[in-house]
Each structure stands twice: as C-alpha cells, then as structure tokens.
Amino acid sequence: MKKTVVFFALLSILFFSCERESSQTKETFDQGPTVSVVNDDTVTAEFFQQAYIQHILSSGRNDTKEERYAFLNSLTDDILLSQQAGK
C-alpha cells in the first residue's frame, strides 16, 4: 500500500514538473499556504493534505506529528528525485 501512495505522489509530481510551464499553471499551483519549497517546486497545504490523507488511509497508520514530518520528508525526497530525473 505504501508503494502505491509513493507512486501516486511521484506520478503527480512528475506530471506537474513535466508539464509545459505557463503563468496560469504556475499561479494555480502556487495558490494557498506554502508547506515546503523544494528548489523551484512549491508544496501547498492543499496538495500536502490530500496526499497525506491518502497516505494515512492506505497505510493504516495513525495521524501523529512524527508521521506528518516523515511523510513530508518522503514527499521532499520524491520531488528531489523527479527533479533530478528531469535534468
């Protein structure tokens, strides 16, 4: 199950990073509070919340502060990998 969530998150990140960047796309992606910035990619609170809820539901883990930080670190690693793959 965890592999499915990581795959979904990575696929979403790749979709947004491979998409031709326009001012409209960048503006839409950057709306809302920022949770994290990884180089030029911004992780919004809405994106993080949706991905995290999917992670909690599929993994069966409890929602704790430590789990949120661990998921954010994992998401950051996935973003960095997709950025490196795009170079």
Protein backbone atom coordinates (compact mmCIF):
# COMPACT_ATOMS: atom_id res chain seq x y z
CA MET A 1 0.00 0.00 0.00
CA LYS A 2 2.79 2.43 0.86
CA LYS A 3 4.32 1.81 -2.57
CA THR A 4 1.01 2.82 -4.15
CA VAL A 5 0.93 6.12 -2.28
CA VAL A 6 4.55 6.90 -3.07
CA PHE A 7 3.93 6.00 -6.71
CA PHE A 8 0.86 8.29 -6.80
CA ALA A 9 2.78 11.16 -5.20
CA LEU A 10 5.71 10.68 -7.55
CA LEU A 11 3.42 10.44 -10.56
CA SER A 12 1.66 13.67 -9.55
CA ILE A 13 4.97 15.44 -9.07
CA LEU A 14 6.26 14.22 -12.42
CA PHE A 15 3.07 15.35 -14.12
CA PHE A 16 3.41 18.87 -12.75
CA SER A 17 7.15 19.10 -13.37
CA CYS A 18 6.97 17.75 -16.95
CA GLU A 19 4.04 19.89 -17.94
CA ARG A 20 4.86 22.92 -20.04
CA GLU A 21 5.07 25.75 -17.55
CA SER A 22 2.84 28.72 -18.18
CA SER A 23 2.00 31.65 -15.96
CA GLN A 24 -1.51 30.27 -15.44
CA THR A 25 -0.24 26.84 -14.36
CA LYS A 26 2.38 28.30 -12.03
CA GLU A 27 -0.16 30.69 -10.49
CA THR A 28 -2.68 27.91 -9.87
CA PHE A 29 -0.07 25.57 -8.39
CA ASP A 30 1.30 28.24 -6.03
CA GLN A 31 -2.02 29.34 -4.55
CA GLY A 32 -2.64 28.75 -0.87
CA PRO A 33 -0.32 28.48 2.12
CA THR A 34 3.10 27.00 1.42
CA VAL A 35 4.17 23.91 3.34
CA SER A 36 7.52 23.39 1.65
CA VAL A 37 9.67 24.70 -1.18
CA VAL A 38 11.98 22.25 -2.93
CA ASN A 39 14.20 24.20 -5.30
CA ASP A 40 11.59 25.76 -7.64
CA ASP A 41 8.68 23.49 -6.69
CA THR A 42 6.20 24.62 -4.06
CA VAL A 43 4.18 22.17 -1.98
CA THR A 44 0.94 23.83 -0.96
CA ALA A 45 -1.06 22.96 2.12
CA GLU A 46 -3.90 21.65 -0.05
CA PHE A 47 -1.63 19.32 -2.05
CA PHE A 48 0.09 18.08 1.11
CA GLN A 49 -3.21 17.48 2.89
CA GLN A 50 -4.67 15.46 0.00
CA ALA A 51 -1.53 13.34 -0.39
CA TYR A 52 -1.17 12.86 3.37
CA ILE A 53 -4.79 11.77 3.85
CA GLN A 54 -4.35 9.23 1.04
CA HIS A 55 -1.16 8.02 2.75
CA ILE A 56 -2.88 7.63 6.15
CA LEU A 57 -5.87 5.82 4.65
CA SER A 58 -3.79 3.41 2.60
CA SER A 59 -1.14 2.70 5.25
CA GLY A 60 -3.47 2.42 8.24
CA ARG A 61 -1.11 4.50 10.35
CA ASN A 62 -2.18 6.99 12.98
CA ASP A 63 -2.08 10.72 12.35
CA THR A 64 0.76 11.97 14.53
CA LYS A 65 3.16 14.87 14.32
CA GLU A 66 6.02 12.46 13.66
CA GLU A 67 4.09 10.74 10.85
CA ARG A 68 3.41 14.12 9.20
CA TYR A 69 7.09 15.06 9.31
CA ALA A 70 8.10 11.63 8.00
CA PHE A 71 5.62 11.92 5.13
CA LEU A 72 6.81 15.45 4.29
CA ASN A 73 10.41 14.20 4.22
CA SER A 74 9.39 11.33 1.95
CA LEU A 75 7.48 13.72 -0.32
CA THR A 76 10.51 16.04 -0.45
CA ASP A 77 12.73 13.11 -1.42
CA ASP A 78 10.31 12.16 -4.20
CA ILE A 79 10.31 15.74 -5.51
CA LEU A 80 14.11 15.85 -5.49
CA LEU A 81 14.26 12.53 -7.37
CA SER A 82 11.81 13.75 -10.00
CA GLN A 83 13.75 17.00 -10.40
CA GLN A 84 16.99 15.06 -10.86
CA ALA A 85 15.34 12.74 -13.38
CA GLY A 86 14.11 15.76 -15.34
CA LYS A 87 17.61 17.13 -15.85
